């Protein structure tokens, strides 16, 4: 999608601080971090939200969690812990309608999820 900021990042059309990527997923630093380490992980394929995750192939869905864990490890979060969050829809405050996860860590996080 030409008007999707995350699609444009995945295609290399917009700059991002890439932490990890493969053929199907990209992990990059959030431009407005909510924790000392705040990554955004996206599938390269445009899928609007978690409610549409079935649009990913079975292989993409199977590798999704493994990629998230690897991205967190590459950001140095495995030993101290981290949070993985995805939002669906306006009430959750999803602001970019391209499926994505936030990986937050690098400090003791708030318990008020």
PDB file of N, CA and C in Angstrom:
ATOM      1  N   UNK A   1       0.845  -1.188   0.000  1.00  0.00           N
ATOM      2  CA  UNK A   1       0.000   0.000   0.000  1.00  0.00           C
ATOM      3  C   UNK A   1       0.881   1.239   0.000  1.00  0.00           C
ATOM      4  N   UNK A   2       0.695   2.097  -0.949  1.00  0.00           N
ATOM      5  CA  UNK A   2       1.544   3.276  -1.094  1.00  0.00           C
ATOM      6  C   UNK A   2       1.378   4.294   0.015  1.00  0.00           C
ATOM      7  N   UNK A   3       0.204   4.359   0.637  1.00  0.00           N
ATOM      8  CA  UNK A   3      -0.027   5.376   1.661  1.00  0.00           C
ATOM      9  C   UNK A   3       0.225   4.861   3.080  1.00  0.00           C
ATOM     10  N   UNK A   4       0.666   3.624   3.232  1.00  0.00           N
ATOM     11  CA  UNK A   4       0.929   3.040   4.550  1.00  0.00           C
ATOM     12  C   UNK A   4       2.381   3.294   4.936  1.00  0.00           C
ATOM     13  N   UNK A   5       2.579   3.996   6.046  1.00  0.00           N
ATOM     14  CA  UNK A   5       3.929   4.338   6.483  1.00  0.00           C
ATOM     15  C   UNK A   5       4.753   3.086   6.771  1.00  0.00           C
ATOM     16  N   UNK A   6       4.139   2.051   7.334  1.00  0.00           N
ATOM     17  CA  UNK A   6       4.896   0.843   7.644  1.00  0.00           C
ATOM     18  C   UNK A   6       5.248   0.061   6.383  1.00  0.00           C
ATOM     19  N   UNK A   7       4.381   0.058   5.392  1.00  0.00           N
ATOM     20  CA  UNK A   7       4.728  -0.568   4.110  1.00  0.00           C
ATOM     21  C   UNK A   7       5.921   0.150   3.490  1.00  0.00           C
ATOM     22  N   UNK A   8       5.926   1.464   3.599  1.00  0.00           N
ATOM     23  CA  UNK A   8       7.017   2.247   3.023  1.00  0.00           C
ATOM     24  C   UNK A   8       8.330   2.010   3.766  1.00  0.00           C
ATOM     25  N   UNK A   9       8.260   1.809   5.072  1.00  0.00           N
ATOM     26  CA  UNK A   9       9.465   1.450   5.832  1.00  0.00           C
ATOM     27  C   UNK A   9       9.949   0.063   5.402  1.00  0.00           C
ATOM     28  N   UNK A  10       9.033  -0.883   5.282  1.00  0.00           N
ATOM     29  CA  UNK A  10       9.392  -2.248   4.884  1.00  0.00           C
ATOM     30  C   UNK A  10      10.036  -2.280   3.503  1.00  0.00           C
ATOM     31  N   UNK A  11       9.598  -1.385   2.623  1.00  0.00           N
ATOM     32  CA  UNK A  11      10.152  -1.318   1.270  1.00  0.00           C
ATOM     33  C   UNK A  11      11.437  -0.501   1.189  1.00  0.00           C
ATOM     34  N   UNK A  12      11.831   0.129   2.302  1.00  0.00           N
ATOM     35  CA  UNK A  12      13.034   0.941   2.307  1.00  0.00           C
ATOM     36  C   UNK A  12      12.828   2.336   1.744  1.00  0.00           C
ATOM     37  N   UNK A  13      11.571   2.730   1.550  1.00  0.00           N
ATOM     38  CA  UNK A  13      11.265   4.056   1.005  1.00  0.00           C
ATOM     39  C   UNK A  13      11.354   5.154   2.063  1.00  0.00           C
ATOM     40  N   UNK A  14      11.183   4.783   3.327  1.00  0.00           N
ATOM     41  CA  UNK A  14      11.300   5.726   4.441  1.00  0.00           C
ATOM     42  C   UNK A  14      12.377   5.219   5.389  1.00  0.00           C
ATOM     43  N   UNK A  15      13.126   6.123   6.000  1.00  0.00           N
ATOM     44  CA  UNK A  15      14.191   5.687   6.903  1.00  0.00           C
ATOM     45  C   UNK A  15      13.632   5.143   8.209  1.00  0.00           C
ATOM     46  N   UNK A  16      14.365   4.189   8.766  1.00  0.00           N
ATOM     47  CA  UNK A  16      14.051   3.633  10.081  1.00  0.00           C
ATOM     48  C   UNK A  16      15.328   3.014  10.625  1.00  0.00           C
ATOM     49  N   UNK A  17      15.428   2.966  11.939  1.00  0.00           N
ATOM     50  CA  UNK A  17      16.567   2.316  12.575  1.00  0.00           C
ATOM     51  C   UNK A  17      16.241   0.826  12.696  1.00  0.00           C
ATOM     52  N   UNK A  18      16.611   0.076  11.671  1.00  0.00           N
ATOM     53  CA  UNK A  18      16.304  -1.346  11.617  1.00  0.00           C
ATOM     54  C   UNK A  18      17.177  -2.097  12.615  1.00  0.00           C
ATOM     55  N   UNK A  19      16.555  -2.950  13.420  1.00  0.00           N
ATOM     56  CA  UNK A  19      17.261  -3.778  14.394  1.00  0.00           C
ATOM     57  C   UNK A  19      17.453  -5.190  13.845  1.00  0.00           C
ATOM     58  N   UNK A  20      16.456  -5.669  13.104  1.00  0.00           N
ATOM     59  CA  UNK A  20      16.476  -7.045  12.601  1.00  0.00           C
ATOM     60  C   UNK A  20      15.449  -7.122  11.488  1.00  0.00           C
ATOM     61  N   UNK A  21      15.754  -7.914  10.451  1.00  0.00           N
ATOM     62  CA  UNK A  21      14.789  -8.119   9.380  1.00  0.00           C
ATOM     63  C   UNK A  21      15.074  -9.421   8.670  1.00  0.00           C
ATOM     64  N   UNK A  22      14.034  -9.949   8.045  1.00  0.00           N
ATOM     65  CA  UNK A  22      14.193 -11.095   7.166  1.00  0.00           C
ATOM     66  C   UNK A  22      13.244 -10.906   5.991  1.00  0.00           C
ATOM     67  N   UNK A  23      12.962 -11.960   5.263  1.00  0.00           N
ATOM     68  CA  UNK A  23      12.113 -11.832   4.075  1.00  0.00           C
ATOM     69  C   UNK A  23      10.675 -11.456   4.397  1.00  0.00           C
ATOM     70  N   UNK A  24      10.213 -11.735   5.623  1.00  0.00           N
ATOM     71  CA  UNK A  24       8.797 -11.541   5.953  1.00  0.00           C
ATOM     72  C   UNK A  24       8.509 -10.494   7.023  1.00  0.00           C
ATOM     73  N   UNK A  25       9.496 -10.152   7.849  1.00  0.00           N
ATOM     74  CA  UNK A  25       9.264  -9.252   8.978  1.00  0.00           C
ATOM     75  C   UNK A  25      10.391  -8.231   9.097  1.00  0.00           C
ATOM     76  N   UNK A  26      10.074  -7.097   9.728  1.00  0.00           N
ATOM     77  CA  UNK A  26      11.053  -6.037   9.985  1.00  0.00           C
ATOM     78  C   UNK A  26      10.845  -5.543  11.416  1.00  0.00           C
ATOM     79  N   UNK A  27      11.940  -5.368  12.146  1.00  0.00           N
ATOM     80  CA  UNK A  27      11.911  -4.786  13.495  1.00  0.00           C
ATOM     81  C   UNK A  27      12.733  -3.504  13.465  1.00  0.00           C
ATOM     82  N   UNK A  28      12.130  -2.410  13.946  1.00  0.00           N
ATOM     83  CA  UNK A  28      12.835  -1.125  13.951  1.00  0.00           C
ATOM     84  C   UNK A  28      12.499  -0.358  15.218  1.00  0.00           C
ATOM     85  N   UNK A  29      13.327   0.620  15.539  1.00  0.00           N
ATOM     86  CA  UNK A  29      13.120   1.429  16.749  1.00  0.00           C
ATOM     87  C   UNK A  29      11.953   2.391  16.536  1.00  0.00           C
ATOM     88  N   UNK A  30      11.111   2.505  17.553  1.00  0.00           N
ATOM     89  CA  UNK A  30       9.973   3.412  17.507  1.00  0.00           C
ATOM     90  C   UNK A  30      10.467   4.856  17.545  1.00  0.00           C
ATOM     91  N   UNK A  31       9.839   5.742  16.769  1.00  0.00           N
ATOM     92  CA  UNK A  31      10.285   7.145  16.740  1.00  0.00           C
ATOM     93  C   UNK A  31       9.807   7.945  17.956  1.00  0.00           C
ATOM     94  N   UNK A  32       8.848   7.384  18.704  1.00  0.00           N
ATOM     95  CA  UNK A  32       8.373   8.035  19.929  1.00  0.00           C
ATOM     96  C   UNK A  32       8.349   6.988  21.043  1.00  0.00           C
ATOM     97  N   UNK A  33       9.522   6.569  21.514  1.00  0.00           N
ATOM     98  CA  UNK A  33       9.592   5.438  22.445  1.00  0.00           C
ATOM     99  C   UNK A  33       8.871   5.673  23.765  1.00  0.00           C
ATOM    100  N   UNK A  34       8.247   4.603  24.243  1.00  0.00           N
ATOM    101  CA  UNK A  34       7.544   4.612  25.526  1.00  0.00           C
ATOM    102  C   UNK A  34       8.326   3.853  26.587  1.00  0.00           C
ATOM    103  N   UNK A  35       9.524   3.394  26.246  1.00  0.00           N
ATOM    104  CA  UNK A  35      10.425   2.686  27.157  1.00  0.00           C
ATOM    105  C   UNK A  35      11.839   2.908  26.633  1.00  0.00           C
ATOM    106  N   UNK A  36      12.861   2.646  27.457  1.00  0.00           N
ATOM    107  CA  UNK A  36      14.228   2.830  26.971  1.00  0.00           C
ATOM    108  C   UNK A  36      14.522   2.061  25.674  1.00  0.00           C
ATOM    109  N   UNK A  37      13.973   0.869  25.555  1.00  0.00           N
ATOM    110  CA  UNK A  37      14.037   0.123  24.296  1.00  0.00           C
ATOM    111  C   UNK A  37      12.604  -0.073  23.834  1.00  0.00           C
ATOM    112  N   UNK A  38      12.285   0.427  22.661  1.00  0.00           N
ATOM    113  CA  UNK A  38      10.928   0.314  22.113  1.00  0.00           C
ATOM    114  C   UNK A  38      11.063   0.009  20.626  1.00  0.00           C
ATOM    115  N   UNK A  39      10.764  -1.242  20.290  1.00  0.00           N
ATOM    116  CA  UNK A  39      10.811  -1.677  18.899  1.00  0.00           C
ATOM    117  C   UNK A  39       9.403  -1.821  18.348  1.00  0.00           C
ATOM    118  N   UNK A  40       9.274  -1.644  17.069  1.00  0.00           N
ATOM    119  CA  UNK A  40       8.047  -1.944  16.336  1.00  0.00           C
ATOM    120  C   UNK A  40       8.401  -3.079  15.384  1.00  0.00           C
ATOM    121  N   UNK A  41       7.580  -4.110  15.388  1.00  0.00           N
ATOM    122  CA  UNK A  41       7.794  -5.264  14.512  1.00  0.00           C
ATOM    123  C   UNK A  41       6.594  -5.370  13.583  1.00  0.00           C
ATOM    124  N   UNK A  42       6.881  -5.459  12.279  1.00  0.00           N
ATOM    125  CA  UNK A  42       5.814  -5.504  11.280  1.00  0.00           C
ATOM    126  C   UNK A  42       6.032  -6.661  10.314  1.00  0.00           C
ATOM    127  N   UNK A  43       4.950  -7.211   9.794  1.00  0.00           N
ATOM    128  CA  UNK A  43       5.123  -8.093   8.642  1.00  0.00           C
ATOM    129  C   UNK A  43       5.331  -7.218   7.408  1.00  0.00           C
ATOM    130  N   UNK A  44       6.105  -7.686   6.472  1.00  0.00           N
ATOM    131  CA  UNK A  44       6.295  -6.928   5.236  1.00  0.00           C
ATOM    132  C   UNK A  44       4.985  -6.841   4.456  1.00  0.00           C
ATOM    133  N   UNK A  45       4.191  -7.898   4.548  1.00  0.00           N
ATOM    134  CA  UNK A  45       2.902  -7.923   3.861  1.00  0.00           C
ATOM    135  C   UNK A  45       1.923  -7.019   4.606  1.00  0.00           C
ATOM    136  N   UNK A  46       1.167  -6.216   3.882  1.00  0.00           N
ATOM    137  CA  UNK A  46       0.198  -5.332   4.529  1.00  0.00           C
ATOM    138  C   UNK A  46      -0.999  -6.129   5.022  1.00  0.00           C
ATOM    139  N   UNK A  47      -1.185  -6.098   6.324  1.00  0.00           N
ATOM    140  CA  UNK A  47      -2.337  -6.672   7.014  1.00  0.00           C
ATOM    141  C   UNK A  47      -2.775  -5.589   7.979  1.00  0.00           C
ATOM    142  N   UNK A  48      -4.047  -5.252   8.008  1.00  0.00           N
ATOM    143  CA  UNK A  48      -4.505  -4.075   8.752  1.00  0.00           C
ATOM    144  C   UNK A  48      -4.317  -4.174  10.262  1.00  0.00           C
ATOM    145  N   UNK A  49      -4.621  -5.316  10.858  1.00  0.00           N
ATOM    146  CA  UNK A  49      -4.511  -5.432  12.312  1.00  0.00           C
ATOM    147  C   UNK A  49      -4.479  -6.900  12.710  1.00  0.00           C
ATOM    148  N   UNK A  50      -4.363  -7.132  13.997  1.00  0.00           N
ATOM    149  CA  UNK A  50      -4.310  -8.502  14.510  1.00  0.00           C
ATOM    150  C   UNK A  50      -5.570  -9.279  14.167  1.00  0.00           C
ATOM    151  N   UNK A  51      -6.686  -8.606  14.033  1.00  0.00           N
ATOM    152  CA  UNK A  51      -7.937  -9.276  13.664  1.00  0.00           C
ATOM    153  C   UNK A  51      -7.850  -9.904  12.277  1.00  0.00           C
ATOM    154  N   UNK A  52      -6.901  -9.443  11.469  1.00  0.00           N
ATOM    155  CA  UNK A  52      -6.731  -9.935  10.104  1.00  0.00           C
ATOM    156  C   UNK A  52      -5.515 -10.841   9.964  1.00  0.00           C
ATOM    157  N   UNK A  53      -4.993 -11.355  11.063  1.00  0.00           N
ATOM    158  CA  UNK A  53      -3.765 -12.150  11.034  1.00  0.00           C
ATOM    159  C   UNK A  53      -3.891 -13.381  10.139  1.00  0.00           C
ATOM    160  N   UNK A  54      -5.088 -13.872   9.912  1.00  0.00           N
ATOM    161  CA  UNK A  54      -5.285 -15.031   9.024  1.00  0.00           C
ATOM    162  C   UNK A  54      -4.873 -14.713   7.588  1.00  0.00           C
ATOM    163  N   UNK A  55      -4.732 -13.435   7.249  1.00  0.00           N
ATOM    164  CA  UNK A  55      -4.272 -13.058   5.911  1.00  0.00           C
ATOM    165  C   UNK A  55      -2.790 -13.368   5.703  1.00  0.00           C
ATOM    166  N   UNK A  56      -2.052 -13.547   6.792  1.00  0.00           N
ATOM    167  CA  UNK A  56      -0.666 -13.988   6.667  1.00  0.00           C
ATOM    168  C   UNK A  56      -0.677 -15.476   6.325  1.00  0.00           C
ATOM    169  N   UNK A  57       0.356 -15.938   5.664  1.00  0.00           N
ATOM    170  CA  UNK A  57       0.439 -17.363   5.341  1.00  0.00           C
ATOM    171  C   UNK A  57       0.637 -18.172   6.619  1.00  0.00           C
ATOM    172  N   UNK A  58       0.384 -19.451   6.539  1.00  0.00           N
ATOM    173  CA  UNK A  58       0.585 -20.329   7.694  1.00  0.00           C
ATOM    174  C   UNK A  58       2.044 -20.267   8.149  1.00  0.00           C
ATOM    175  N   UNK A  59       2.974 -20.206   7.208  1.00  0.00           N
ATOM    176  CA  UNK A  59       4.392 -20.110   7.548  1.00  0.00           C
ATOM    177  C   UNK A  59       4.693 -18.793   8.260  1.00  0.00           C
ATOM    178  N   UNK A  60       4.153 -17.684   7.765  1.00  0.00           N
ATOM    179  CA  UNK A  60       4.366 -16.383   8.418  1.00  0.00           C
ATOM    180  C   UNK A  60       3.820 -16.392   9.837  1.00  0.00           C
ATOM    181  N   UNK A  61       2.632 -16.951  10.015  1.00  0.00           N
ATOM    182  CA  UNK A  61       2.047 -17.013  11.366  1.00  0.00           C
ATOM    183  C   UNK A  61       2.898 -17.878  12.288  1.00  0.00           C
ATOM    184  N   UNK A  62       3.428 -18.975  11.767  1.00  0.00           N
ATOM    185  CA  UNK A  62       4.250 -19.867  12.584  1.00  0.00           C
ATOM    186  C   UNK A  62       5.557 -19.195  12.996  1.00  0.00           C
ATOM    187  N   UNK A  63       6.131 -18.376  12.138  1.00  0.00           N
ATOM    188  CA  UNK A  63       7.414 -17.735  12.404  1.00  0.00           C
ATOM    189  C   UNK A  63       7.297 -16.414  13.153  1.00  0.00           C
ATOM    190  N   UNK A  64       6.090 -15.887  13.239  1.00  0.00           N
ATOM    191  CA  UNK A  64       5.856 -14.577  13.834  1.00  0.00           C
ATOM    192  C   UNK A  64       6.419 -14.474  15.261  1.00  0.00           C
ATOM    193  N   UNK A  65       6.078 -15.389  16.128  1.00  0.00           N
ATOM    194  CA  UNK A  65       6.537 -15.315  17.517  1.00  0.00           C
ATOM    195  C   UNK A  65       8.044 -15.535  17.620  1.00  0.00           C
ATOM    196  N   UNK A  66       8.587 -16.402  16.785  1.00  0.00           N
ATOM    197  CA  UNK A  66      10.025 -16.640  16.784  1.00  0.00           C
ATOM    198  C   UNK A  66      10.765 -15.363  16.385  1.00  0.00           C
ATOM    199  N   UNK A  67      10.242 -14.657  15.383  1.00  0.00           N
ATOM    200  CA  UNK A  67      10.863 -13.402  14.959  1.00  0.00           C
ATOM    201  C   UNK A  67      10.799 -12.366  16.078  1.00  0.00           C
ATOM    202  N   UNK A  68       9.663 -12.255  16.746  1.00  0.00           N
ATOM    203  CA  UNK A  68       9.535 -11.306  17.855  1.00  0.00           C
ATOM    204  C   UNK A  68      10.578 -11.588  18.936  1.00  0.00           C
ATOM    205  N   UNK A  69      10.729 -12.847  19.302  1.00  0.00           N
ATOM    206  CA  UNK A  69      11.704 -13.213  20.334  1.00  0.00           C
ATOM    207  C   UNK A  69      13.129 -12.907  19.876  1.00  0.00           C
ATOM    208  N   UNK A  70      13.431 -13.168  18.626  1.00  0.00           N
ATOM    209  CA  UNK A  70      14.771 -12.885  18.092  1.00  0.00           C
ATOM    210  C   UNK A  70      15.037 -11.381  18.059  1.00  0.00           C
ATOM    211  N   UNK A  71      14.043 -10.593  17.678  1.00  0.00           N
ATOM    212  CA  UNK A  71      14.207  -9.135  17.662  1.00  0.00           C
ATOM    213  C   UNK A  71      14.494  -8.619  19.072  1.00  0.00           C
ATOM    214  N   UNK A  72      13.756  -9.123  20.057  1.00  0.00           N
ATOM    215  CA  UNK A  72      13.982  -8.707  21.443  1.00  0.00           C
ATOM    216  C   UNK A  72      15.382  -9.107  21.899  1.00  0.00           C
ATOM    217  N   UNK A  73      15.812 -10.292  21.527  1.00  0.00           N
ATOM    218  CA  UNK A  73      17.146 -10.751  21.904  1.00  0.00           C
ATOM    219  C   UNK A  73      18.213  -9.867  21.265  1.00  0.00           C
ATOM    220  N   UNK A  74      18.055  -9.541  20.001  1.00  0.00           N
ATOM    221  CA  UNK A  74      19.036  -8.692  19.307  1.00  0.00           C
ATOM    222  C   UNK A  74      19.085  -7.281  19.899  1.00  0.00           C
ATOM    223  N   UNK A  75      17.999  -6.863  20.531  1.00  0.00           N
ATOM    224  CA  UNK A  75      17.969  -5.551  21.193  1.00  0.00           C
ATOM    225  C   UNK A  75      18.492  -5.630  22.625  1.00  0.00           C
ATOM    226  N   UNK A  76      18.925  -6.814  23.057  1.00  0.00           N
ATOM    227  CA  UNK A  76      19.515  -6.974  24.379  1.00  0.00           C
ATOM    228  C   UNK A  76      18.521  -7.114  25.511  1.00  0.00           C
ATOM    229  N   UNK A  77      17.317  -7.575  25.221  1.00  0.00           N
ATOM    230  CA  UNK A  77      16.259  -7.606  26.232  1.00  0.00           C
ATOM    231  C   UNK A  77      16.009  -8.967  26.868  1.00  0.00           C
ATOM    232  N   UNK A  78      16.584 -10.023  26.336  1.00  0.00           N
ATOM    233  CA  UNK A  78      16.246 -11.371  26.802  1.00  0.00           C
ATOM    234  C   UNK A  78      16.560 -11.575  28.277  1.00  0.00           C
ATOM    235  N   UNK A  79      17.699 -11.112  28.737  1.00  0.00           N
ATOM    236  CA  UNK A  79      18.096 -11.393  30.126  1.00  0.00           C
ATOM    237  C   UNK A  79      17.301 -10.607  31.157  1.00  0.00           C
ATOM    238  N   UNK A  80      16.793  -9.435  30.792  1.00  0.00           N
ATOM    239  CA  UNK A  80      16.079  -8.600  31.771  1.00  0.00           C
ATOM    240  C   UNK A  80      14.569  -8.651  31.633  1.00  0.00           C
ATOM    241  N   UNK A  81      14.078  -9.055  30.471  1.00  0.00           N
ATOM    242  CA  UNK A  81      12.639  -9.141  30.253  1.00  0.00           C
ATOM    243  C   UNK A  81      12.112  -8.004  29.406  1.00  0.00           C
ATOM    244  N   UNK A  82      10.937  -8.242  28.853  1.00  0.00           N
ATOM    245  CA  UNK A  82      10.317  -7.270  27.958  1.00  0.00           C
ATOM    246  C   UNK A  82       8.830  -7.571  27.827  1.00  0.00           C
ATOM    247  N   UNK A  83       8.122  -6.628  27.259  1.00  0.00           N
ATOM    248  CA  UNK A  83       6.677  -6.744  27.021  1.00  0.00           C
ATOM    249  C   UNK A  83       6.440  -6.712  25.517  1.00  0.00           C
ATOM    250  N   UNK A  84       5.514  -7.553  25.037  1.00  0.00           N
ATOM    251  CA  UNK A  84       5.104  -7.555  23.633  1.00  0.00           C
ATOM    252  C   UNK A  84       3.626  -7.210  23.598  1.00  0.00           C
ATOM    253  N   UNK A  85       3.269  -6.180  22.811  1.00  0.00           N
ATOM    254  CA  UNK A  85       1.893  -5.684  22.767  1.00  0.00           C
ATOM    255  C   UNK A  85       1.484  -5.446  21.321  1.00  0.00           C
ATOM    256  N   UNK A  86       0.241  -5.772  21.007  1.00  0.00           N
ATOM    257  CA  UNK A  86      -0.328  -5.353  19.734  1.00  0.00           C
ATOM    258  C   UNK A  86      -1.688  -4.729  20.024  1.00  0.00           C
ATOM    259  N   UNK A  87      -2.076  -3.796  19.199  1.00  0.00           N
ATOM    260  CA  UNK A  87      -3.357  -3.107  19.368  1.00  0.00           C
ATOM    261  C   UNK A  87      -4.237  -3.389  18.159  1.00  0.00           C
ATOM    262  N   UNK A  88      -5.536  -3.473  18.403  1.00  0.00           N
ATOM    263  CA  UNK A  88      -6.483  -3.646  17.309  1.00  0.00           C
ATOM    264  C   UNK A  88      -7.600  -2.618  17.450  1.00  0.00           C
ATOM    265  N   UNK A  89      -7.692  -1.722  16.491  1.00  0.00           N
ATOM    266  CA  UNK A  89      -8.813  -0.791  16.429  1.00  0.00           C
ATOM    267  C   UNK A  89      -8.616   0.490  17.211  1.00  0.00           C
ATOM    268  N   UNK A  90      -9.541   1.377  16.990  1.00  0.00           N
ATOM    269  CA  UNK A  90      -9.466   2.731  17.549  1.00  0.00           C
ATOM    270  C   UNK A  90      -9.484   2.754  19.075  1.00  0.00           C
ATOM    271  N   UNK A  91     -10.304   1.929  19.723  1.00  0.00           N
ATOM    272  CA  UNK A  91     -10.385   1.959  21.177  1.00  0.00           C
ATOM    273  C   UNK A  91      -9.092   1.505  21.849  1.00  0.00           C
ATOM    274  N   UNK A  92      -8.277   0.748  21.142  1.00  0.00           N
ATOM    275  CA  UNK A  92      -6.989   0.335  21.695  1.00  0.00           C
ATOM    276  C   UNK A  92      -5.902   1.359  21.379  1.00  0.00           C
ATOM    277  N   UNK A  93      -6.288   2.388  20.616  1.00  0.00           N
ATOM    278  CA  UNK A  93      -5.380   3.451  20.181  1.00  0.00           C
ATOM    279  C   UNK A  93      -4.430   3.000  19.088  1.00  0.00           C
ATOM    280  N   UNK A  94      -4.880   2.031  18.266  1.00  0.00           N
ATOM    281  CA  UNK A  94      -4.079   1.674  17.091  1.00  0.00           C
ATOM    282  C   UNK A  94      -4.024   2.901  16.197  1.00  0.00           C
ATOM    283  N   UNK A  95      -2.825   3.371  15.900  1.00  0.00           N
ATOM    284  CA  UNK A  95      -2.694   4.600  15.114  1.00  0.00           C
ATOM    285  C   UNK A  95      -2.229   4.341  13.686  1.00  0.00           C
ATOM    286  N   UNK A  96      -1.559   3.227  13.454  1.00  0.00           N
ATOM    287  CA  UNK A  96      -1.155   2.847  12.102  1.00  0.00           C
ATOM    288  C   UNK A  96      -1.855   1.532  11.799  1.00  0.00           C
ATOM    289  N   UNK A  97      -2.661   1.527  10.774  1.00  0.00           N
ATOM    290  CA  UNK A  97      -3.459   0.347  10.472  1.00  0.00           C
ATOM    291  C   UNK A  97      -2.707  -0.600   9.537  1.00  0.00           C
ATOM    292  N   UNK A  98      -1.597  -1.073  10.085  1.00  0.00           N
ATOM    293  CA  UNK A  98      -0.767  -2.132   9.521  1.00  0.00           C
ATOM    294  C   UNK A  98      -0.393  -2.959  10.743  1.00  0.00           C
ATOM    295  N   UNK A  99      -0.697  -4.238  10.727  1.00  0.00           N
ATOM    296  CA  UNK A  99      -0.404  -5.101  11.867  1.00  0.00           C
ATOM    297  C   UNK A  99       1.007  -4.843  12.375  1.00  0.00           C
ATOM    298  N   UNK A 100       1.126  -4.624  13.673  1.00  0.00           N
ATOM    299  CA  UNK A 100       2.440  -4.425  14.268  1.00  0.00           C
ATOM    300  C   UNK A 100       2.398  -4.746  15.756  1.00  0.00           C
ATOM    301  N   UNK A 101       3.562  -5.065  16.266  1.00  0.00           N
ATOM    302  CA  UNK A 101       3.737  -5.351  17.681  1.00  0.00           C
ATOM    303  C   UNK A 101       4.748  -4.361  18.233  1.00  0.00           C
ATOM    304  N   UNK A 102       4.575  -4.033  19.497  1.00  0.00           N
ATOM    305  CA  UNK A 102       5.542  -3.204  20.205  1.00  0.00           C
ATOM    306  C   UNK A 102       6.299  -4.126  21.158  1.00  0.00           C
ATOM    307  N   UNK A 103       7.613  -4.030  21.139  1.00  0.00           N
ATOM    308  CA  UNK A 103       8.443  -4.709  22.117  1.00  0.00           C
ATOM    309  C   UNK A 103       9.038  -3.611  22.987  1.00  0.00           C
ATOM    310  N   UNK A 104       8.727  -3.668  24.286  1.00  0.00           N
ATOM    311  CA  UNK A 104       9.159  -2.633  25.226  1.00  0.00           C
ATOM    312  C   UNK A 104      10.002  -3.253  26.328  1.00  0.00           C
ATOM    313  N   UNK A 105      11.103  -2.600  26.660  1.00  0.00           N
ATOM    314  CA  UNK A 105      11.948  -3.096  27.724  1.00  0.00           C
ATOM    315  C   UNK A 105      13.067  -2.123  28.029  1.00  0.00           C
ATOM    316  N   UNK A 106      14.078  -2.639  28.701  1.00  0.00           N
ATOM    317  CA  UNK A 106      15.243  -1.815  29.035  1.00  0.00           C
ATOM    318  C   UNK A 106      15.143  -1.157  30.392  1.00  0.00           C
ATOM    319  N   UNK A 107      14.047  -1.375  31.105  1.00  0.00           N
ATOM    320  CA  UNK A 107      13.853  -0.838  32.456  1.00  0.00           C
ATOM    321  C   UNK A 107      12.653  -1.557  33.070  1.00  0.00           C
ATOM    322  N   UNK A 108      12.450  -1.350  34.351  1.00  0.00           N
ATOM    323  CA  UNK A 108      11.251  -1.889  34.997  1.00  0.00           C
ATOM    324  C   UNK A 108      10.037  -1.163  34.426  1.00  0.00           C
ATOM    325  N   UNK A 109       9.145  -1.911  33.811  1.00  0.00           N
ATOM    326  CA  UNK A 109       7.976  -1.312  33.160  1.00  0.00           C
ATOM    327  C   UNK A 109       6.831  -1.138  34.152  1.00  0.00           C
ATOM    328  N   UNK A 110       5.936  -0.247  33.812  1.00  0.00           N
ATOM    329  CA  UNK A 110       4.755   0.020  34.628  1.00  0.00           C
ATOM    330  C   UNK A 110       3.910  -1.228  34.752  1.00  0.00           C
ATOM    331  N   UNK A 111       3.278  -1.406  35.902  1.00  0.00           N
ATOM    332  CA  UNK A 111       2.367  -2.546  36.061  1.00  0.00           C
ATOM    333  C   UNK A 111       0.932  -2.190  35.665  1.00  0.00           C
ATOM    334  N   UNK A 112       0.732  -0.985  35.147  1.00  0.00           N
ATOM    335  CA  UNK A 112      -0.612  -0.539  34.763  1.00  0.00           C
ATOM    336  C   UNK A 112      -0.823  -0.696  33.266  1.00  0.00           C
ATOM    337  N   UNK A 113      -0.720  -1.878  32.815  1.00  0.00           N
ATOM    338  CA  UNK A 113      -0.848  -2.192  31.391  1.00  0.00           C
ATOM    339  C   UNK A 113      -2.055  -1.512  30.893  1.00  0.00           C
TER     340      UNK A 113
END
